[in-house]
Amino acid sequence: MIVPHPHDVLISKLERLAPSDRDHIQRILSEAPIDRDRLEALAAESPYRTGDAPPASTEAFELHIAEILATLPE
């Protein structure tokens, strides 16, 4: 059985970011905190930043990751 790391799940939810995704992300962050640099590093490896996602998906991802980054301590 393969279980994804919570931060990988967080990255995967950022494109859509429905209310249930927001709740899940907050629970992930409360149980597995992450700093801005690490989140940016994970995002850099995602299809949204490697050029493998459609433009609309990339735009949504960037909008939503900025929202999450703004909630993280500096």
PDB file of N, CA and C in Angstrom:
ATOM      1  N   MET A   1       0.839  -1.159   0.000  1.00  0.00           N
ATOM      2  CA  MET A   1       0.000   0.000   0.000  1.00  0.00           C
ATOM      3  C   MET A   1       0.896   1.238   0.000  1.00  0.00           C
ATOM      4  N   ILE A   2       0.638   2.127  -0.924  1.00  0.00           N
ATOM      5  CA  ILE A   2       1.394   3.369  -1.008  1.00  0.00           C
ATOM      6  C   ILE A   2       0.504   4.495  -0.503  1.00  0.00           C
ATOM      7  N   VAL A   3       1.036   5.248   0.435  1.00  0.00           N
ATOM      8  CA  VAL A   3       0.304   6.375   0.998  1.00  0.00           C
ATOM      9  C   VAL A   3       1.082   7.645   0.664  1.00  0.00           C
ATOM     10  N   PRO A   4       0.446   8.611   0.012  1.00  0.00           N
ATOM     11  CA  PRO A   4       1.163   9.832  -0.344  1.00  0.00           C
ATOM     12  C   PRO A   4       1.485  10.670   0.894  1.00  0.00           C
ATOM     13  N   HIS A   5       2.575  11.382   0.815  1.00  0.00           N
ATOM     14  CA  HIS A   5       2.946  12.298   1.893  1.00  0.00           C
ATOM     15  C   HIS A   5       1.884  13.404   1.968  1.00  0.00           C
ATOM     16  N   PRO A   6       1.553  13.855   3.167  1.00  0.00           N
ATOM     17  CA  PRO A   6       0.524  14.901   3.287  1.00  0.00           C
ATOM     18  C   PRO A   6       0.818  16.154   2.458  1.00  0.00           C
ATOM     19  N   HIS A   7       2.078  16.524   2.342  1.00  0.00           N
ATOM     20  CA  HIS A   7       2.397  17.720   1.562  1.00  0.00           C
ATOM     21  C   HIS A   7       2.179  17.490   0.072  1.00  0.00           C
ATOM     22  N   ASP A   8       2.338  16.268  -0.393  1.00  0.00           N
ATOM     23  CA  ASP A   8       2.021  15.956  -1.790  1.00  0.00           C
ATOM     24  C   ASP A   8       0.517  16.070  -2.028  1.00  0.00           C
ATOM     25  N   VAL A   9      -0.259  15.641  -1.044  1.00  0.00           N
ATOM     26  CA  VAL A   9      -1.711  15.778  -1.133  1.00  0.00           C
ATOM     27  C   VAL A   9      -2.079  17.263  -1.188  1.00  0.00           C
ATOM     28  N   LEU A  10      -1.430  18.065  -0.360  1.00  0.00           N
ATOM     29  CA  LEU A  10      -1.677  19.503  -0.345  1.00  0.00           C
ATOM     30  C   LEU A  10      -1.446  20.091  -1.736  1.00  0.00           C
ATOM     31  N   ILE A  11      -0.318  19.780  -2.354  1.00  0.00           N
ATOM     32  CA  ILE A  11      -0.005  20.290  -3.691  1.00  0.00           C
ATOM     33  C   ILE A  11      -1.082  19.866  -4.687  1.00  0.00           C
ATOM     34  N   SER A  12      -1.529  18.637  -4.580  1.00  0.00           N
ATOM     35  CA  SER A  12      -2.517  18.138  -5.546  1.00  0.00           C
ATOM     36  C   SER A  12      -3.870  18.834  -5.416  1.00  0.00           C
ATOM     37  N   LYS A  13      -4.165  19.409  -4.264  1.00  0.00           N
ATOM     38  CA  LYS A  13      -5.450  20.061  -4.042  1.00  0.00           C
ATOM     39  C   LYS A  13      -5.462  21.518  -4.471  1.00  0.00           C
ATOM     40  N   LEU A  14      -4.309  22.086  -4.760  1.00  0.00           N
ATOM     41  CA  LEU A  14      -4.233  23.524  -4.994  1.00  0.00           C
ATOM     42  C   LEU A  14      -4.859  23.993  -6.298  1.00  0.00           C
ATOM     43  N   GLU A  15      -4.954  23.159  -7.287  1.00  0.00           N
ATOM     44  CA  GLU A  15      -5.571  23.610  -8.536  1.00  0.00           C
ATOM     45  C   GLU A  15      -7.053  23.914  -8.319  1.00  0.00           C
ATOM     46  N   ARG A  16      -7.758  22.984  -7.718  1.00  0.00           N
ATOM     47  CA  ARG A  16      -9.205  23.118  -7.571  1.00  0.00           C
ATOM     48  C   ARG A  16      -9.584  23.995  -6.387  1.00  0.00           C
ATOM     49  N   LEU A  17      -9.060  23.675  -5.235  1.00  0.00           N
ATOM     50  CA  LEU A  17      -9.278  24.393  -3.976  1.00  0.00           C
ATOM     51  C   LEU A  17     -10.747  24.658  -3.677  1.00  0.00           C
ATOM     52  N   ALA A  18     -11.536  23.609  -3.740  1.00  0.00           N
ATOM     53  CA  ALA A  18     -12.947  23.668  -3.328  1.00  0.00           C
ATOM     54  C   ALA A  18     -13.002  23.817  -1.807  1.00  0.00           C
ATOM     55  N   PRO A  19     -14.153  24.174  -1.250  1.00  0.00           N
ATOM     56  CA  PRO A  19     -14.250  24.301   0.213  1.00  0.00           C
ATOM     57  C   PRO A  19     -13.757  23.058   0.962  1.00  0.00           C
ATOM     58  N   SER A  20     -14.060  21.881   0.470  1.00  0.00           N
ATOM     59  CA  SER A  20     -13.576  20.667   1.146  1.00  0.00           C
ATOM     60  C   SER A  20     -12.057  20.548   1.040  1.00  0.00           C
ATOM     61  N   ASP A  21     -11.480  21.034  -0.076  1.00  0.00           N
ATOM     62  CA  ASP A  21     -10.022  21.025  -0.220  1.00  0.00           C
ATOM     63  C   ASP A  21      -9.381  21.996   0.762  1.00  0.00           C
ATOM     64  N   ARG A  22      -9.995  23.151   0.935  1.00  0.00           N
ATOM     65  CA  ARG A  22      -9.468  24.141   1.887  1.00  0.00           C
ATOM     66  C   ARG A  22      -9.427  23.552   3.295  1.00  0.00           C
ATOM     67  N   ASP A  23     -10.504  22.875   3.666  1.00  0.00           N
ATOM     68  CA  ASP A  23     -10.562  22.243   4.980  1.00  0.00           C
ATOM     69  C   ASP A  23      -9.473  21.186   5.110  1.00  0.00           C
ATOM     70  N   HIS A  24      -9.319  20.367   4.088  1.00  0.00           N
ATOM     71  CA  HIS A  24      -8.309  19.318   4.121  1.00  0.00           C
ATOM     72  C   HIS A  24      -6.909  19.922   4.219  1.00  0.00           C
ATOM     73  N   ILE A  25      -6.641  20.984   3.468  1.00  0.00           N
ATOM     74  CA  ILE A  25      -5.334  21.640   3.512  1.00  0.00           C
ATOM     75  C   ILE A  25      -5.062  22.183   4.913  1.00  0.00           C
ATOM     76  N   GLN A  26      -6.045  22.795   5.524  1.00  0.00           N
ATOM     77  CA  GLN A  26      -5.850  23.316   6.881  1.00  0.00           C
ATOM     78  C   GLN A  26      -5.549  22.203   7.871  1.00  0.00           C
ATOM     79  N   ARG A  27      -6.208  21.067   7.706  1.00  0.00           N
ATOM     80  CA  ARG A  27      -5.923  19.922   8.581  1.00  0.00           C
ATOM     81  C   ARG A  27      -4.525  19.376   8.333  1.00  0.00           C
ATOM     82  N   ILE A  28      -4.118  19.332   7.063  1.00  0.00           N
ATOM     83  CA  ILE A  28      -2.756  18.887   6.739  1.00  0.00           C
ATOM     84  C   ILE A  28      -1.744  19.812   7.401  1.00  0.00           C
ATOM     85  N   LEU A  29      -1.934  21.118   7.237  1.00  0.00           N
ATOM     86  CA  LEU A  29      -0.982  22.081   7.790  1.00  0.00           C
ATOM     87  C   LEU A  29      -0.942  22.055   9.313  1.00  0.00           C
ATOM     88  N   SER A  30      -2.054  21.741   9.950  1.00  0.00           N
ATOM     89  CA  SER A  30      -2.036  21.674  11.414  1.00  0.00           C
ATOM     90  C   SER A  30      -1.312  20.427  11.910  1.00  0.00           C
ATOM     91  N   GLU A  31      -1.369  19.350  11.137  1.00  0.00           N
ATOM     92  CA  GLU A  31      -0.722  18.103  11.544  1.00  0.00           C
ATOM     93  C   GLU A  31       0.693  17.948  10.999  1.00  0.00           C
ATOM     94  N   ALA A  32       0.965  18.585   9.859  1.00  0.00           N
ATOM     95  CA  ALA A  32       2.284  18.482   9.219  1.00  0.00           C
ATOM     96  C   ALA A  32       2.680  19.872   8.713  1.00  0.00           C
ATOM     97  N   PRO A  33       3.080  20.749   9.634  1.00  0.00           N
ATOM     98  CA  PRO A  33       3.432  22.117   9.224  1.00  0.00           C
ATOM     99  C   PRO A  33       4.531  22.129   8.159  1.00  0.00           C
ATOM    100  N   ILE A  34       4.523  23.181   7.357  1.00  0.00           N
ATOM    101  CA  ILE A  34       5.508  23.342   6.299  1.00  0.00           C
ATOM    102  C   ILE A  34       5.853  24.824   6.224  1.00  0.00           C
ATOM    103  N   ASP A  35       7.088  25.134   5.876  1.00  0.00           N
ATOM    104  CA  ASP A  35       7.427  26.546   5.732  1.00  0.00           C
ATOM    105  C   ASP A  35       7.308  26.960   4.267  1.00  0.00           C
ATOM    106  N   ARG A  36       7.378  28.250   4.032  1.00  0.00           N
ATOM    107  CA  ARG A  36       7.197  28.774   2.678  1.00  0.00           C
ATOM    108  C   ARG A  36       8.214  28.216   1.695  1.00  0.00           C
ATOM    109  N   ASP A  37       9.467  28.148   2.107  1.00  0.00           N
ATOM    110  CA  ASP A  37      10.508  27.657   1.194  1.00  0.00           C
ATOM    111  C   ASP A  37      10.258  26.219   0.773  1.00  0.00           C
ATOM    112  N   ARG A  38       9.855  25.382   1.718  1.00  0.00           N
ATOM    113  CA  ARG A  38       9.600  23.972   1.393  1.00  0.00           C
ATOM    114  C   ARG A  38       8.372  23.834   0.486  1.00  0.00           C
ATOM    115  N   LEU A  39       7.336  24.617   0.764  1.00  0.00           N
ATOM    116  CA  LEU A  39       6.150  24.568  -0.084  1.00  0.00           C
ATOM    117  C   LEU A  39       6.492  25.030  -1.498  1.00  0.00           C
ATOM    118  N   GLU A  40       7.277  26.076  -1.619  1.00  0.00           N
ATOM    119  CA  GLU A  40       7.706  26.548  -2.943  1.00  0.00           C
ATOM    120  C   GLU A  40       8.536  25.481  -3.658  1.00  0.00           C
ATOM    121  N   ALA A  41       9.402  24.788  -2.926  1.00  0.00           N
ATOM    122  CA  ALA A  41      10.216  23.732  -3.533  1.00  0.00           C
ATOM    123  C   ALA A  41       9.335  22.595  -4.046  1.00  0.00           C
ATOM    124  N   LEU A  42       8.337  22.202  -3.280  1.00  0.00           N
ATOM    125  CA  LEU A  42       7.415  21.155  -3.723  1.00  0.00           C
ATOM    126  C   LEU A  42       6.618  21.622  -4.938  1.00  0.00           C
ATOM    127  N   ALA A  43       6.186  22.872  -4.908  1.00  0.00           N
ATOM    128  CA  ALA A  43       5.424  23.424  -6.036  1.00  0.00           C
ATOM    129  C   ALA A  43       6.274  23.422  -7.306  1.00  0.00           C
ATOM    130  N   ALA A  44       7.550  23.705  -7.161  1.00  0.00           N
ATOM    131  CA  ALA A  44       8.447  23.748  -8.319  1.00  0.00           C
ATOM    132  C   ALA A  44       8.546  22.392  -9.016  1.00  0.00           C
ATOM    133  N   GLU A  45       8.315  21.329  -8.273  1.00  0.00           N
ATOM    134  CA  GLU A  45       8.384  19.983  -8.837  1.00  0.00           C
ATOM    135  C   GLU A  45       7.042  19.519  -9.412  1.00  0.00           C
ATOM    136  N   SER A  46       5.998  20.300  -9.210  1.00  0.00           N
ATOM    137  CA  SER A  46       4.663  19.883  -9.642  1.00  0.00           C
ATOM    138  C   SER A  46       4.455  20.139 -11.132  1.00  0.00           C
ATOM    139  N   PRO A  47       3.513  19.446 -11.748  1.00  0.00           N
ATOM    140  CA  PRO A  47       3.226  19.648 -13.177  1.00  0.00           C
ATOM    141  C   PRO A  47       2.809  21.076 -13.506  1.00  0.00           C
ATOM    142  N   TYR A  48       2.312  21.788 -12.497  1.00  0.00           N
ATOM    143  CA  TYR A  48       1.874  23.164 -12.723  1.00  0.00           C
ATOM    144  C   TYR A  48       3.048  24.104 -12.951  1.00  0.00           C
ATOM    145  N   ARG A  49       4.217  23.690 -12.511  1.00  0.00           N
ATOM    146  CA  ARG A  49       5.398  24.536 -12.696  1.00  0.00           C
ATOM    147  C   ARG A  49       6.418  23.930 -13.652  1.00  0.00           C
ATOM    148  N   THR A  50       6.233  22.679 -14.010  1.00  0.00           N
ATOM    149  CA  THR A  50       7.171  22.050 -14.946  1.00  0.00           C
ATOM    150  C   THR A  50       6.703  22.160 -16.383  1.00  0.00           C
ATOM    151  N   GLY A  51       5.504  22.736 -16.583  1.00  0.00           N
ATOM    152  CA  GLY A  51       4.971  22.913 -17.927  1.00  0.00           C
ATOM    153  C   GLY A  51       4.124  21.762 -18.422  1.00  0.00           C
ATOM    154  N   ASP A  52       3.769  20.842 -17.526  1.00  0.00           N
ATOM    155  CA  ASP A  52       2.997  19.670 -17.925  1.00  0.00           C
ATOM    156  C   ASP A  52       1.498  19.807 -17.680  1.00  0.00           C
ATOM    157  N   ALA A  53       1.055  20.968 -17.218  1.00  0.00           N
ATOM    158  CA  ALA A  53      -0.371  21.181 -16.951  1.00  0.00           C
ATOM    159  C   ALA A  53      -0.923  22.227 -17.924  1.00  0.00           C
ATOM    160  N   PRO A  54      -2.202  22.143 -18.222  1.00  0.00           N
ATOM    161  CA  PRO A  54      -2.814  23.149 -19.098  1.00  0.00           C
ATOM    162  C   PRO A  54      -2.722  24.552 -18.479  1.00  0.00           C
ATOM    163  N   PRO A  55      -2.685  25.584 -19.312  1.00  0.00           N
ATOM    164  CA  PRO A  55      -2.553  26.958 -18.799  1.00  0.00           C
ATOM    165  C   PRO A  55      -3.608  27.347 -17.760  1.00  0.00           C
ATOM    166  N   ALA A  56      -4.844  26.982 -17.967  1.00  0.00           N
ATOM    167  CA  ALA A  56      -5.899  27.341 -16.996  1.00  0.00           C
ATOM    168  C   ALA A  56      -5.640  26.684 -15.644  1.00  0.00           C
ATOM    169  N   SER A  57      -5.159  25.447 -15.674  1.00  0.00           N
ATOM    170  CA  SER A  57      -4.843  24.747 -14.426  1.00  0.00           C
ATOM    171  C   SER A  57      -3.672  25.421 -13.718  1.00  0.00           C
ATOM    172  N   THR A  58      -2.681  25.825 -14.489  1.00  0.00           N
ATOM    173  CA  THR A  58      -1.508  26.497 -13.921  1.00  0.00           C
ATOM    174  C   THR A  58      -1.906  27.832 -13.291  1.00  0.00           C
ATOM    175  N   GLU A  59      -2.771  28.573 -13.963  1.00  0.00           N
ATOM    176  CA  GLU A  59      -3.230  29.855 -13.416  1.00  0.00           C
ATOM    177  C   GLU A  59      -3.968  29.656 -12.093  1.00  0.00           C
ATOM    178  N   ALA A  60      -4.837  28.672 -12.051  1.00  0.00           N
ATOM    179  CA  ALA A  60      -5.579  28.393 -10.820  1.00  0.00           C
ATOM    180  C   ALA A  60      -4.622  27.962  -9.707  1.00  0.00           C
ATOM    181  N   PHE A  61      -3.669  27.112 -10.039  1.00  0.00           N
ATOM    182  CA  PHE A  61      -2.688  26.651  -9.061  1.00  0.00           C
ATOM    183  C   PHE A  61      -1.927  27.830  -8.475  1.00  0.00           C
ATOM    184  N   GLU A  62      -1.437  28.716  -9.328  1.00  0.00           N
ATOM    185  CA  GLU A  62      -0.644  29.860  -8.859  1.00  0.00           C
ATOM    186  C   GLU A  62      -1.471  30.787  -7.967  1.00  0.00           C
ATOM    187  N   LEU A  63      -2.713  31.010  -8.329  1.00  0.00           N
ATOM    188  CA  LEU A  63      -3.596  31.832  -7.507  1.00  0.00           C
ATOM    189  C   LEU A  63      -3.791  31.204  -6.127  1.00  0.00           C
ATOM    190  N   HIS A  64      -4.024  29.912  -6.110  1.00  0.00           N
ATOM    191  CA  HIS A  64      -4.316  29.224  -4.854  1.00  0.00           C
ATOM    192  C   HIS A  64      -3.073  29.019  -3.995  1.00  0.00           C
ATOM    193  N   ILE A  65      -1.940  28.765  -4.616  1.00  0.00           N
ATOM    194  CA  ILE A  65      -0.736  28.594  -3.787  1.00  0.00           C
ATOM    195  C   ILE A  65      -0.353  29.922  -3.147  1.00  0.00           C
ATOM    196  N   ALA A  66      -0.579  31.024  -3.856  1.00  0.00           N
ATOM    197  CA  ALA A  66      -0.293  32.334  -3.259  1.00  0.00           C
ATOM    198  C   ALA A  66      -1.173  32.551  -2.035  1.00  0.00           C
ATOM    199  N   GLU A  67      -2.412  32.097  -2.114  1.00  0.00           N
ATOM    200  CA  GLU A  67      -3.333  32.214  -0.984  1.00  0.00           C
ATOM    201  C   GLU A  67      -2.832  31.409   0.214  1.00  0.00           C
ATOM    202  N   ILE A  68      -2.364  30.203  -0.029  1.00  0.00           N
ATOM    203  CA  ILE A  68      -1.860  29.361   1.065  1.00  0.00           C
ATOM    204  C   ILE A  68      -0.553  29.921   1.602  1.00  0.00           C
ATOM    205  N   LEU A  69       0.342  30.354   0.726  1.00  0.00           N
ATOM    206  CA  LEU A  69       1.611  30.934   1.184  1.00  0.00           C
ATOM    207  C   LEU A  69       1.387  32.131   2.091  1.00  0.00           C
ATOM    208  N   ALA A  70       0.354  32.906   1.792  1.00  0.00           N
ATOM    209  CA  ALA A  70       0.061  34.085   2.601  1.00  0.00           C
ATOM    210  C   ALA A  70      -0.353  33.725   4.027  1.00  0.00           C
ATOM    211  N   THR A  71      -0.792  32.496   4.240  1.00  0.00           N
ATOM    212  CA  THR A  71      -1.206  32.068   5.583  1.00  0.00           C
ATOM    213  C   THR A  71      -0.058  31.503   6.396  1.00  0.00           C
ATOM    214  N   LEU A  72       1.076  31.235   5.752  1.00  0.00           N
ATOM    215  CA  LEU A  72       2.205  30.621   6.444  1.00  0.00           C
ATOM    216  C   LEU A  72       3.076  31.697   7.087  1.00  0.00           C
ATOM    217  N   PRO A  73       3.628  31.393   8.251  1.00  0.00           N
ATOM    218  CA  PRO A  73       4.517  32.366   8.893  1.00  0.00           C
ATOM    219  C   PRO A  73       5.785  32.586   8.054  1.00  0.00           C
ATOM    220  N   GLU A  74       6.322  33.785   8.184  1.00  0.00           N
ATOM    221  CA  GLU A  74       7.528  34.098   7.412  1.00  0.00           C
ATOM    222  C   GLU A  74       8.763  33.544   8.044  1.00  0.00           C
TER     223      GLU A  74
END
